[in-house]
Amino acid sequence: QIEDLRKKLLSFKLVPRRNAQVYSYDNLPESCDILIFGPAGSGKSSLLKTFYRALHNTNRLPRELSDRIVVKGTDENEGTTKFTGLQLKPPAEYVKKSISHRDASQKSEVDYTSGIMVHDTRGQIWMDEKEHEQLRLLMKGNVKDMSMVEQRNFRYAHLLWEFWKKDSELFPTDIVRRKSTLKTRPHSLVFVFDGSMDEIPNGEEETKFYKEIIEMAREKHYFYPQIVLTRIDKVEAQVAQEYDLDEFEAEAKLREILDLKIESAVLKLGVSRSSVHFIENYHPNHEDDDLSIDYHALRLLHESVQQADTYLQSNLKEKTKCVIQ
């Protein structure tokens, strides 16, 4: 299953079945773009690195990938400080050969696979109207890649008028695009939460904030955002510490707790159960491959690119028809 998922992702092509007589594909991007949201410290950057390791079956990350993820210490509660685009797989051309049934001759043509891009975002800390509006701009594709996203260091009241502020008051003017297109907008959304927390999302304020963001995403035709719960290893450690169980009983207890956490996220966020994934990320000192980590990461990535394909198909423009009278 793992190799099958890898093969599908490495040969992935956006909108593979096309009707050039009806639709225009001029604005179709070369890569699908997956946007990762979530509270600060929830494991977004680690998920991105796990995606790369699982997809390429390697425990070595390219220097460029490591350098592009800028993370502050966890004691500062900030995590990733830049809106960072990382290419998991570039678009690539290849020669496709086919045999004619009519005369058994061989025909060659150039085809291509689509790239897979993931954007790691600055984690949300305050859950206020400014961060709400910042996520709206990110969804619109109005923020440039590798932009430093500085947040204020104290909490403001939830003031409705912040919704009406100019883009320049939400982000510096030099990182905001004036116009967004299908090539600059994200095509699939992933929300990441710390699954070891007692409540997911963590409290009423966080639940209300992300539920509103998900509702806003659906209005923008992101109908099935994926929800990721990380740190399954911490939950496993909690089970071992709190319960005196043998290996079989501990595994059953872990599954019971994970199911309860998933059900809680489903009810609080108003999403389908099939959209919620519990994932363990690779840690910096995790050198050995882990088939379970690879499988769940690739399954999530495959679902995300399928959602990207659905989003792009729903935004295709029909060609204008000239009527001669």
C-alpha atoms as a PDB file:
ATOM      1  CA  GLN A   1       0.000   0.000   0.000  1.00  0.00           C
ATOM      2  CA  ILE A   2       2.815   2.408   0.826  1.00  0.00           C
ATOM      3  CA  GLU A   3       4.571   1.926  -2.527  1.00  0.00           C
ATOM      4  CA  ASP A   4       1.232   2.233  -4.323  1.00  0.00           C
ATOM      5  CA  LEU A   5       0.535   5.573  -2.589  1.00  0.00           C
ATOM      6  CA  ARG A   6       4.053   6.812  -3.421  1.00  0.00           C
ATOM      7  CA  LYS A   7       3.626   5.872  -7.073  1.00  0.00           C
ATOM      8  CA  LYS A   8       0.264   7.648  -7.288  1.00  0.00           C
ATOM      9  CA  LEU A   9       1.654  10.829  -5.708  1.00  0.00           C
ATOM     10  CA  LEU A  10       4.845  10.913  -7.781  1.00  0.00           C
ATOM     11  CA  SER A  11       2.824  10.458 -11.008  1.00  0.00           C
ATOM     12  CA  PHE A  12       0.004  12.770  -9.907  1.00  0.00           C
ATOM     13  CA  LYS A  13      -1.421  15.111 -12.543  1.00  0.00           C
ATOM     14  CA  LEU A  14      -3.947  17.882 -11.930  1.00  0.00           C
ATOM     15  CA  VAL A  15      -7.201  17.561 -13.890  1.00  0.00           C
ATOM     16  CA  PRO A  16      -5.996  14.522 -15.886  1.00  0.00           C
ATOM     17  CA  ARG A  17      -9.154  14.285 -18.011  1.00  0.00           C
ATOM     18  CA  ARG A  18      -9.545  17.479 -19.979  1.00  0.00           C
ATOM     19  CA  ASN A  19     -12.014  18.805 -22.496  1.00  0.00           C
ATOM     20  CA  ALA A  20     -10.209  21.616 -24.309  1.00  0.00           C
ATOM     21  CA  GLN A  21     -13.265  22.345 -26.458  1.00  0.00           C
ATOM     22  CA  VAL A  22     -15.313  23.375 -23.419  1.00  0.00           C
ATOM     23  CA  TYR A  23     -12.863  24.574 -20.754  1.00  0.00           C
ATOM     24  CA  SER A  24      -9.836  26.853 -20.727  1.00  0.00           C
ATOM     25  CA  TYR A  25      -6.796  25.453 -18.921  1.00  0.00           C
ATOM     26  CA  ASP A  26      -4.563  28.516 -19.370  1.00  0.00           C
ATOM     27  CA  ASN A  27      -4.704  29.466 -15.669  1.00  0.00           C
ATOM     28  CA  LEU A  28      -4.185  25.944 -14.365  1.00  0.00           C
ATOM     29  CA  PRO A  29      -1.085  25.855 -12.119  1.00  0.00           C
ATOM     30  CA  GLU A  30       1.832  23.485 -12.646  1.00  0.00           C
ATOM     31  CA  SER A  31       1.656  22.434  -8.985  1.00  0.00           C
ATOM     32  CA  CYS A  32      -1.120  21.895  -6.488  1.00  0.00           C
ATOM     33  CA  ASP A  33      -0.713  24.012  -3.356  1.00  0.00           C
ATOM     34  CA  ILE A  34      -1.647  22.652   0.079  1.00  0.00           C
ATOM     35  CA  LEU A  35      -2.000  25.241   2.849  1.00  0.00           C
ATOM     36  CA  ILE A  36      -1.384  24.150   6.448  1.00  0.00           C
ATOM     37  CA  PHE A  37      -3.098  26.021   9.297  1.00  0.00           C
ATOM     38  CA  GLY A  38      -3.128  25.463  13.034  1.00  0.00           C
ATOM     39  CA  PRO A  39      -2.255  26.819  16.465  1.00  0.00           C
ATOM     40  CA  ALA A  40       1.373  27.629  17.239  1.00  0.00           C
ATOM     41  CA  GLY A  41       3.299  24.535  18.295  1.00  0.00           C
ATOM     42  CA  SER A  42       0.784  22.009  16.931  1.00  0.00           C
ATOM     43  CA  GLY A  43       3.333  20.261  14.678  1.00  0.00           C
ATOM     44  CA  LYS A  44       2.728  21.873  11.263  1.00  0.00           C
ATOM     45  CA  SER A  45       6.390  22.155  10.274  1.00  0.00           C
ATOM     46  CA  SER A  46       7.109  18.629  11.497  1.00  0.00           C
ATOM     47  CA  LEU A  47       4.197  17.360   9.381  1.00  0.00           C
ATOM     48  CA  LEU A  48       5.689  18.990   6.306  1.00  0.00           C
ATOM     49  CA  LYS A  49       9.043  17.304   6.942  1.00  0.00           C
ATOM     50  CA  THR A  50       7.241  13.998   7.527  1.00  0.00           C
ATOM     51  CA  PHE A  51       5.485  14.408   4.157  1.00  0.00           C
ATOM     52  CA  TYR A  52       8.857  14.763   2.426  1.00  0.00           C
ATOM     53  CA  ARG A  53      10.452  11.786   4.176  1.00  0.00           C
ATOM     54  CA  ALA A  54       7.473   9.531   3.492  1.00  0.00           C
ATOM     55  CA  LEU A  55       7.095  10.592  -0.151  1.00  0.00           C
ATOM     56  CA  HIS A  56      10.770  10.181  -1.051  1.00  0.00           C
ATOM     57  CA  ASN A  57      11.503   7.244   1.283  1.00  0.00           C
ATOM     58  CA  THR A  58      14.473   9.020   2.842  1.00  0.00           C
ATOM     59  CA  ASN A  59      15.630  10.117   6.285  1.00  0.00           C
ATOM     60  CA  ARG A  60      17.668  12.997   4.840  1.00  0.00           C
ATOM     61  CA  LEU A  61      15.988  16.322   4.146  1.00  0.00           C
ATOM     62  CA  PRO A  62      17.456  18.601   1.454  1.00  0.00           C
ATOM     63  CA  ARG A  63      19.386  21.571   2.852  1.00  0.00           C
ATOM     64  CA  GLU A  64      17.063  23.976   1.051  1.00  0.00           C
ATOM     65  CA  LEU A  65      14.012  22.485   2.773  1.00  0.00           C
ATOM     66  CA  SER A  66      15.575  22.677   6.234  1.00  0.00           C
ATOM     67  CA  ASP A  67      16.767  26.252   5.654  1.00  0.00           C
ATOM     68  CA  ARG A  68      13.376  27.516   4.482  1.00  0.00           C
ATOM     69  CA  ILE A  69      11.561  26.510   7.647  1.00  0.00           C
ATOM     70  CA  VAL A  70      12.258  29.245  10.194  1.00  0.00           C
ATOM     71  CA  VAL A  71      11.209  28.163  13.683  1.00  0.00           C
ATOM     72  CA  LYS A  72      11.652  29.984  16.985  1.00  0.00           C
ATOM     73  CA  GLY A  73      12.065  28.136  20.252  1.00  0.00           C
ATOM     74  CA  THR A  74       8.982  26.487  21.704  1.00  0.00           C
ATOM     75  CA  ASP A  75       9.456  28.511  24.881  1.00  0.00           C
ATOM     76  CA  GLU A  76       8.547  31.596  22.834  1.00  0.00           C
ATOM     77  CA  ASN A  77       5.299  29.920  21.699  1.00  0.00           C
ATOM     78  CA  GLU A  78       5.771  31.123  18.139  1.00  0.00           C
ATOM     79  CA  GLY A  79       6.856  28.186  15.990  1.00  0.00           C
ATOM     80  CA  THR A  80       7.137  28.970  12.271  1.00  0.00           C
ATOM     81  CA  THR A  81       7.587  32.706  11.709  1.00  0.00           C
ATOM     82  CA  LYS A  82       7.371  32.799   7.915  1.00  0.00           C
ATOM     83  CA  PHE A  83       4.697  31.948   5.362  1.00  0.00           C
ATOM     84  CA  THR A  84       6.865  29.326   3.702  1.00  0.00           C
ATOM     85  CA  GLY A  85       6.288  27.439   0.457  1.00  0.00           C
ATOM     86  CA  LEU A  86       8.097  24.124   0.119  1.00  0.00           C
ATOM     87  CA  GLN A  87       8.050  21.944  -2.968  1.00  0.00           C
ATOM     88  CA  LEU A  88       7.595  18.298  -2.046  1.00  0.00           C
ATOM     89  CA  LYS A  89       7.737  17.330  -5.730  1.00  0.00           C
ATOM     90  CA  PRO A  90       8.452  19.556  -8.739  1.00  0.00           C
ATOM     91  CA  PRO A  91       6.424  19.298 -11.957  1.00  0.00           C
ATOM     92  CA  ALA A  92       8.206  17.039 -14.440  1.00  0.00           C
ATOM     93  CA  GLU A  93       7.981  16.123 -18.123  1.00  0.00           C
ATOM     94  CA  TYR A  94       8.243  12.564 -19.372  1.00  0.00           C
ATOM     95  CA  VAL A  95       7.866  10.752 -22.685  1.00  0.00           C
ATOM     96  CA  LYS A  96       4.715   8.677 -22.897  1.00  0.00           C
ATOM     97  CA  LYS A  97       4.775   5.844 -25.432  1.00  0.00           C
ATOM     98  CA  SER A  98       1.719   4.154 -26.876  1.00  0.00           C
ATOM     99  CA  ILE A  99       1.117   1.494 -29.545  1.00  0.00           C
ATOM    100  CA  SER A 100      -1.423   2.057 -32.300  1.00  0.00           C
ATOM    101  CA  HIS A 101      -4.023  -0.718 -32.540  1.00  0.00           C
ATOM    102  CA  ARG A 102      -4.432  -0.009 -36.248  1.00  0.00           C
ATOM    103  CA  ASP A 103      -0.903  -0.655 -37.521  1.00  0.00           C
ATOM    104  CA  ALA A 104       1.010  -1.636 -34.352  1.00  0.00           C
ATOM    105  CA  SER A 105       3.267   1.394 -34.756  1.00  0.00           C
ATOM    106  CA  GLN A 106       4.745   3.053 -31.671  1.00  0.00           C
ATOM    107  CA  LYS A 107       3.871   6.659 -30.919  1.00  0.00           C
ATOM    108  CA  SER A 108       5.668   8.949 -28.452  1.00  0.00           C
ATOM    109  CA  GLU A 109       4.373  12.151 -26.911  1.00  0.00           C
ATOM    110  CA  VAL A 110       5.527  14.431 -24.115  1.00  0.00           C
ATOM    111  CA  ASP A 111       3.330  14.493 -21.013  1.00  0.00           C
ATOM    112  CA  TYR A 112       3.964  15.809 -17.507  1.00  0.00           C
ATOM    113  CA  THR A 113       3.224  15.240 -13.854  1.00  0.00           C
ATOM    114  CA  SER A 114       2.092  18.054 -11.565  1.00  0.00           C
ATOM    115  CA  GLY A 115       4.188  19.344  -8.689  1.00  0.00           C
ATOM    116  CA  ILE A 116       3.116  19.248  -5.045  1.00  0.00           C
ATOM    117  CA  MET A 117       3.689  22.399  -2.996  1.00  0.00           C
ATOM    118  CA  VAL A 118       2.938  22.780   0.713  1.00  0.00           C
ATOM    119  CA  HIS A 119       2.764  26.131   2.499  1.00  0.00           C
ATOM    120  CA  ASP A 120       3.643  26.177   6.170  1.00  0.00           C
ATOM    121  CA  THR A 121       1.964  29.109   7.935  1.00  0.00           C
ATOM    122  CA  ARG A 122       2.700  31.156  11.028  1.00  0.00           C
ATOM    123  CA  GLY A 123       0.802  29.444  13.866  1.00  0.00           C
ATOM    124  CA  GLN A 124      -2.166  31.191  15.404  1.00  0.00           C
ATOM    125  CA  ILE A 125      -1.673  32.358  18.995  1.00  0.00           C
ATOM    126  CA  TRP A 126      -4.356  34.910  19.824  1.00  0.00           C
ATOM    127  CA  MET A 127      -7.348  33.458  17.900  1.00  0.00           C
ATOM    128  CA  ASP A 128      -8.596  37.012  17.306  1.00  0.00           C
ATOM    129  CA  GLU A 129     -10.086  38.925  14.383  1.00  0.00           C
ATOM    130  CA  LYS A 130      -6.679  39.917  12.996  1.00  0.00           C
ATOM    131  CA  GLU A 131      -5.533  36.295  12.730  1.00  0.00           C
ATOM    132  CA  HIS A 132      -8.973  35.390  11.317  1.00  0.00           C
ATOM    133  CA  GLU A 133      -8.533  37.965   8.568  1.00  0.00           C
ATOM    134  CA  GLN A 134      -4.925  36.928   7.949  1.00  0.00           C
ATOM    135  CA  LEU A 135      -6.101  33.391   7.208  1.00  0.00           C
ATOM    136  CA  ARG A 136      -8.696  34.793   4.810  1.00  0.00           C
ATOM    137  CA  LEU A 137      -5.933  36.584   2.879  1.00  0.00           C
ATOM    138  CA  LEU A 138      -3.812  33.420   2.812  1.00  0.00           C
ATOM    139  CA  MET A 139      -6.763  31.486   1.380  1.00  0.00           C
ATOM    140  CA  LYS A 140      -7.223  34.167  -1.268  1.00  0.00           C
ATOM    141  CA  GLY A 141      -3.586  33.735  -2.336  1.00  0.00           C
ATOM    142  CA  ASN A 142      -2.711  37.351  -1.546  1.00  0.00           C
ATOM    143  CA  VAL A 143       0.432  36.744   0.538  1.00  0.00           C
ATOM    144  CA  LYS A 144       3.831  36.298  -1.094  1.00  0.00           C
ATOM    145  CA  ASP A 145       6.009  33.277  -0.423  1.00  0.00           C
ATOM    146  CA  MET A 146       8.686  33.392   2.323  1.00  0.00           C
ATOM    147  CA  SER A 147       7.076  36.448   3.962  1.00  0.00           C
ATOM    148  CA  MET A 148       7.859  37.143   7.610  1.00  0.00           C
ATOM    149  CA  VAL A 149       4.593  37.218   9.575  1.00  0.00           C
ATOM    150  CA  GLU A 150       4.995  39.213  12.770  1.00  0.00           C
ATOM    151  CA  GLN A 151       2.172  39.086  15.306  1.00  0.00           C
ATOM    152  CA  ARG A 152       1.589  41.525  18.127  1.00  0.00           C
ATOM    153  CA  ASN A 153       2.800  40.256  21.477  1.00  0.00           C
ATOM    154  CA  PHE A 154      -0.350  40.890  23.474  1.00  0.00           C
ATOM    155  CA  ARG A 155      -4.004  40.021  23.085  1.00  0.00           C
ATOM    156  CA  TYR A 156      -6.502  42.583  21.754  1.00  0.00           C
ATOM    157  CA  ALA A 157     -10.226  42.369  22.413  1.00  0.00           C
ATOM    158  CA  HIS A 158     -12.315  40.724  19.697  1.00  0.00           C
ATOM    159  CA  LEU A 159     -13.351  43.869  17.847  1.00  0.00           C
ATOM    160  CA  LEU A 160     -15.578  43.536  14.794  1.00  0.00           C
ATOM    161  CA  TRP A 161     -14.051  46.570  13.101  1.00  0.00           C
ATOM    162  CA  GLU A 162     -10.802  44.640  12.558  1.00  0.00           C
ATOM    163  CA  PHE A 163     -12.624  42.760   9.781  1.00  0.00           C
ATOM    164  CA  TRP A 164     -12.757  46.009   7.834  1.00  0.00           C
ATOM    165  CA  LYS A 165      -9.121  46.975   8.178  1.00  0.00           C
ATOM    166  CA  LYS A 166      -6.999  47.375   5.078  1.00  0.00           C
ATOM    167  CA  ASP A 167      -4.785  44.478   4.011  1.00  0.00           C
ATOM    168  CA  SER A 168      -1.770  46.657   4.872  1.00  0.00           C
ATOM    169  CA  GLU A 169      -2.859  46.717   8.528  1.00  0.00           C
ATOM    170  CA  LEU A 170      -3.026  42.911   8.611  1.00  0.00           C
ATOM    171  CA  PHE A 171       0.226  42.259   6.737  1.00  0.00           C
ATOM    172  CA  PRO A 172       3.036  44.637   5.681  1.00  0.00           C
ATOM    173  CA  THR A 173       2.356  46.068   2.203  1.00  0.00           C
ATOM    174  CA  ASP A 174       5.479  44.472   0.700  1.00  0.00           C
ATOM    175  CA  ILE A 175       4.228  40.912   1.289  1.00  0.00           C
ATOM    176  CA  VAL A 176       0.665  41.349   0.001  1.00  0.00           C
ATOM    177  CA  ARG A 177      -0.178  40.576  -3.635  1.00  0.00           C
ATOM    178  CA  ARG A 178      -2.607  42.952  -5.320  1.00  0.00           C
ATOM    179  CA  LYS A 179      -4.242  40.216  -7.361  1.00  0.00           C
ATOM    180  CA  SER A 180      -4.729  36.495  -6.816  1.00  0.00           C
ATOM    181  CA  THR A 181      -5.321  33.788  -9.421  1.00  0.00           C
ATOM    182  CA  LEU A 182      -5.664  30.010  -9.432  1.00  0.00           C
ATOM    183  CA  LYS A 183      -1.869  29.941  -9.600  1.00  0.00           C
ATOM    184  CA  THR A 184      -1.442  31.912  -6.355  1.00  0.00           C
ATOM    185  CA  ARG A 185      -4.395  30.580  -4.346  1.00  0.00           C
ATOM    186  CA  PRO A 186      -4.126  27.438  -2.209  1.00  0.00           C
ATOM    187  CA  HIS A 187      -6.010  24.455  -3.598  1.00  0.00           C
ATOM    188  CA  SER A 188      -6.356  22.298  -0.486  1.00  0.00           C
ATOM    189  CA  LEU A 189      -6.454  23.065   3.263  1.00  0.00           C
ATOM    190  CA  VAL A 190      -5.082  21.091   6.204  1.00  0.00           C
ATOM    191  CA  PHE A 191      -5.682  22.076   9.840  1.00  0.00           C
ATOM    192  CA  VAL A 192      -3.232  20.683  12.407  1.00  0.00           C
ATOM    193  CA  PHE A 193      -3.917  20.325  16.145  1.00  0.00           C
ATOM    194  CA  ASP A 194      -1.933  18.830  19.014  1.00  0.00           C
ATOM    195  CA  GLY A 195      -3.718  15.521  19.581  1.00  0.00           C
ATOM    196  CA  SER A 196      -2.190  15.033  23.038  1.00  0.00           C
ATOM    197  CA  MET A 197      -4.214  17.941  24.469  1.00  0.00           C
ATOM    198  CA  ASP A 198      -7.154  17.124  26.740  1.00  0.00           C
ATOM    199  CA  GLU A 199      -9.476  19.155  24.488  1.00  0.00           C
ATOM    200  CA  ILE A 200      -9.233  19.354  20.690  1.00  0.00           C
ATOM    201  CA  PRO A 201      -9.448  22.170  19.716  1.00  0.00           C
ATOM    202  CA  ASN A 202      -8.149  23.522  23.036  1.00  0.00           C
ATOM    203  CA  GLY A 203     -11.070  25.363  24.660  1.00  0.00           C
ATOM    204  CA  GLU A 204     -14.111  27.326  23.519  1.00  0.00           C
ATOM    205  CA  GLU A 205     -12.157  30.246  22.064  1.00  0.00           C
ATOM    206  CA  GLU A 206      -9.975  28.055  19.845  1.00  0.00           C
ATOM    207  CA  THR A 207     -12.966  25.924  18.802  1.00  0.00           C
ATOM    208  CA  LYS A 208     -15.007  28.996  17.809  1.00  0.00           C
ATOM    209  CA  PHE A 209     -12.059  30.491  15.907  1.00  0.00           C
ATOM    210  CA  TYR A 210     -11.316  27.412  13.781  1.00  0.00           C
ATOM    211  CA  LYS A 211     -14.956  26.507  13.239  1.00  0.00           C
ATOM    212  CA  GLU A 212     -15.463  29.974  11.725  1.00  0.00           C
ATOM    213  CA  ILE A 213     -12.349  29.557   9.570  1.00  0.00           C
ATOM    214  CA  ILE A 214     -13.573  26.176   8.286  1.00  0.00           C
ATOM    215  CA  GLU A 215     -17.008  27.650   7.503  1.00  0.00           C
ATOM    216  CA  MET A 216     -15.308  30.498   5.631  1.00  0.00           C
ATOM    217  CA  ALA A 217     -13.204  27.920   3.746  1.00  0.00           C
ATOM    218  CA  ARG A 218     -16.333  26.077   2.599  1.00  0.00           C
ATOM    219  CA  GLU A 219     -17.789  29.340   1.304  1.00  0.00           C
ATOM    220  CA  LYS A 220     -14.646  29.604  -0.847  1.00  0.00           C
ATOM    221  CA  HIS A 221     -15.254  26.066  -2.219  1.00  0.00           C
ATOM    222  CA  TYR A 222     -12.802  24.222   0.065  1.00  0.00           C
ATOM    223  CA  PHE A 223     -15.521  21.729   0.925  1.00  0.00           C
ATOM    224  CA  TYR A 224     -13.483  19.025   2.675  1.00  0.00           C
ATOM    225  CA  PRO A 225     -10.565  20.508   4.633  1.00  0.00           C
ATOM    226  CA  GLN A 226      -8.469  17.815   6.280  1.00  0.00           C
ATOM    227  CA  ILE A 227      -8.020  17.791  10.070  1.00  0.00           C
ATOM    228  CA  VAL A 228      -4.786  16.365  11.478  1.00  0.00           C
ATOM    229  CA  LEU A 229      -4.198  15.407  15.110  1.00  0.00           C
ATOM    230  CA  THR A 230      -0.484  15.034  15.849  1.00  0.00           C
ATOM    231  CA  ARG A 231       1.604  13.626  18.690  1.00  0.00           C
ATOM    232  CA  ILE A 232       0.064  10.166  18.866  1.00  0.00           C
ATOM    233  CA  ASP A 233       3.352   9.131  20.557  1.00  0.00           C
ATOM    234  CA  LYS A 234       2.571  11.449  23.492  1.00  0.00           C
ATOM    235  CA  VAL A 235      -0.904   9.924  23.858  1.00  0.00           C
ATOM    236  CA  GLU A 236       0.716   6.480  23.878  1.00  0.00           C
ATOM    237  CA  ALA A 237       3.113   7.594  26.616  1.00  0.00           C
ATOM    238  CA  GLN A 238       0.192   8.975  28.647  1.00  0.00           C
ATOM    239  CA  VAL A 239      -1.593   5.618  28.422  1.00  0.00           C
ATOM    240  CA  ALA A 240       1.528   3.795  29.644  1.00  0.00           C
ATOM    241  CA  GLN A 241       1.923   6.226  32.557  1.00  0.00           C
ATOM    242  CA  GLU A 242      -1.708   6.300  33.705  1.00  0.00           C
ATOM    243  CA  TYR A 243      -2.768   2.666  33.240  1.00  0.00           C
ATOM    244  CA  ASP A 244      -1.221  -0.621  34.373  1.00  0.00           C
ATOM    245  CA  LEU A 245      -1.964  -2.675  31.242  1.00  0.00           C
ATOM    246  CA  ASP A 246      -0.336  -5.401  29.226  1.00  0.00           C
ATOM    247  CA  GLU A 247       0.625  -4.758  25.593  1.00  0.00           C
ATOM    248  CA  PHE A 248      -2.707  -5.942  24.149  1.00  0.00           C
ATOM    249  CA  GLU A 249      -4.790  -3.971  26.674  1.00  0.00           C
ATOM    250  CA  ALA A 250      -2.655  -0.843  26.183  1.00  0.00           C
ATOM    251  CA  GLU A 251      -3.182  -0.998  22.394  1.00  0.00           C
ATOM    252  CA  ALA A 252      -6.955  -1.342  22.888  1.00  0.00           C
ATOM    253  CA  LYS A 253      -6.976   1.572  25.355  1.00  0.00           C
ATOM    254  CA  LEU A 254      -4.959   3.736  22.965  1.00  0.00           C
ATOM    255  CA  ARG A 255      -7.425   3.068  20.129  1.00  0.00           C
ATOM    256  CA  GLU A 256     -10.334   3.902  22.438  1.00  0.00           C
ATOM    257  CA  ILE A 257      -8.773   7.235  23.446  1.00  0.00           C
ATOM    258  CA  LEU A 258      -7.872   8.147  19.839  1.00  0.00           C
ATOM    259  CA  ASP A 259     -11.437   7.386  18.713  1.00  0.00           C
ATOM    260  CA  LEU A 260     -12.835   9.651  21.449  1.00  0.00           C
ATOM    261  CA  LYS A 261     -10.477  12.463  20.450  1.00  0.00           C
ATOM    262  CA  ILE A 262     -11.439  12.104  16.781  1.00  0.00           C
ATOM    263  CA  GLU A 263     -15.166  12.119  17.633  1.00  0.00           C
ATOM    264  CA  SER A 264     -14.662  15.256  19.732  1.00  0.00           C
ATOM    265  CA  ALA A 265     -12.922  17.060  16.839  1.00  0.00           C
ATOM    266  CA  VAL A 266     -15.672  15.947  14.428  1.00  0.00           C
ATOM    267  CA  LEU A 267     -18.444  17.325  16.652  1.00  0.00           C
ATOM    268  CA  LYS A 268     -16.676  20.564  17.593  1.00  0.00           C
ATOM    269  CA  LEU A 269     -15.511  21.521  14.102  1.00  0.00           C
ATOM    270  CA  GLY A 270     -18.478  20.183  12.123  1.00  0.00           C
ATOM    271  CA  VAL A 271     -16.400  17.987   9.797  1.00  0.00           C
ATOM    272  CA  SER A 272     -16.789  14.404   8.592  1.00  0.00           C
ATOM    273  CA  ARG A 273     -14.970  11.613  10.403  1.00  0.00           C
ATOM    274  CA  SER A 274     -13.193  10.595   7.195  1.00  0.00           C
ATOM    275  CA  SER A 275     -11.549  14.049   7.131  1.00  0.00           C
ATOM    276  CA  VAL A 276      -9.846  13.574  10.522  1.00  0.00           C
ATOM    277  CA  HIS A 277      -6.428  11.871  10.705  1.00  0.00           C
ATOM    278  CA  PHE A 278      -4.289  10.949  13.724  1.00  0.00           C
ATOM    279  CA  ILE A 279      -0.631  11.136  12.695  1.00  0.00           C
ATOM    280  CA  GLU A 280       2.740  10.730  14.335  1.00  0.00           C
ATOM    281  CA  ASN A 281       5.450  12.945  12.853  1.00  0.00           C
ATOM    282  CA  TYR A 282       9.097  12.078  12.403  1.00  0.00           C
ATOM    283  CA  HIS A 283      11.239  13.796  15.044  1.00  0.00           C
ATOM    284  CA  PRO A 284      14.708  15.283  14.338  1.00  0.00           C
ATOM    285  CA  ASN A 285      16.433  12.327  16.048  1.00  0.00           C
ATOM    286  CA  HIS A 286      14.198   9.748  14.337  1.00  0.00           C
ATOM    287  CA  GLU A 287      16.649   8.208  11.864  1.00  0.00           C
ATOM    288  CA  ASP A 288      14.928   4.889  11.125  1.00  0.00           C
ATOM    289  CA  ASP A 289      12.004   4.579   8.712  1.00  0.00           C
ATOM    290  CA  ASP A 290       8.619   3.835  10.252  1.00  0.00           C
ATOM    291  CA  LEU A 291       6.076   2.136   7.961  1.00  0.00           C
ATOM    292  CA  SER A 292       3.110   3.309  10.062  1.00  0.00           C
ATOM    293  CA  ILE A 293       4.244   6.954   9.959  1.00  0.00           C
ATOM    294  CA  ASP A 294       4.880   6.723   6.196  1.00  0.00           C
ATOM    295  CA  TYR A 295       1.513   5.127   5.467  1.00  0.00           C
ATOM    296  CA  HIS A 296      -0.607   7.632   7.387  1.00  0.00           C
ATOM    297  CA  ALA A 297       1.378  10.624   6.057  1.00  0.00           C
ATOM    298  CA  LEU A 298       1.057   9.433   2.440  1.00  0.00           C
ATOM    299  CA  ARG A 299      -2.645   8.692   2.864  1.00  0.00           C
ATOM    300  CA  LEU A 300      -3.221  12.243   4.136  1.00  0.00           C
ATOM    301  CA  LEU A 301      -1.084  13.738   1.345  1.00  0.00           C
ATOM    302  CA  HIS A 302      -2.954  11.708  -1.290  1.00  0.00           C
ATOM    303  CA  GLU A 303      -6.316  12.881   0.065  1.00  0.00           C
ATOM    304  CA  SER A 304      -5.065  16.478   0.067  1.00  0.00           C
ATOM    305  CA  VAL A 305      -3.969  16.413  -3.591  1.00  0.00           C
ATOM    306  CA  GLN A 306      -7.313  14.835  -4.555  1.00  0.00           C
ATOM    307  CA  GLN A 307      -9.100  17.710  -2.794  1.00  0.00           C
ATOM    308  CA  ALA A 308      -6.832  20.143  -4.670  1.00  0.00           C
ATOM    309  CA  ASP A 309      -7.839  18.529  -7.961  1.00  0.00           C
ATOM    310  CA  THR A 310     -11.541  18.819  -7.050  1.00  0.00           C
ATOM    311  CA  TYR A 311     -11.095  22.490  -6.109  1.00  0.00           C
ATOM    312  CA  LEU A 312      -9.361  23.329  -9.399  1.00  0.00           C
ATOM    313  CA  GLN A 313     -11.943  21.485 -11.479  1.00  0.00           C
ATOM    314  CA  SER A 314     -14.726  23.458  -9.777  1.00  0.00           C
ATOM    315  CA  ASN A 315     -12.949  26.722 -10.691  1.00  0.00           C
ATOM    316  CA  LEU A 316     -12.331  26.028 -14.391  1.00  0.00           C
ATOM    317  CA  LYS A 317     -13.683  28.668 -16.769  1.00  0.00           C
ATOM    318  CA  GLU A 318     -15.779  27.672 -19.753  1.00  0.00           C
ATOM    319  CA  LYS A 319     -14.600  29.028 -23.073  1.00  0.00           C
ATOM    320  CA  THR A 320     -16.690  31.800 -24.544  1.00  0.00           C
ATOM    321  CA  LYS A 321     -18.642  30.773 -27.628  1.00  0.00           C
ATOM    322  CA  CYS A 322     -18.799  32.970 -30.672  1.00  0.00           C
ATOM    323  CA  VAL A 323     -22.217  32.968 -32.290  1.00  0.00           C
ATOM    324  CA  ILE A 324     -22.244  33.999 -35.964  1.00  0.00           C
ATOM    325  CA  GLN A 325     -25.563  35.355 -37.162  1.00  0.00           C
END
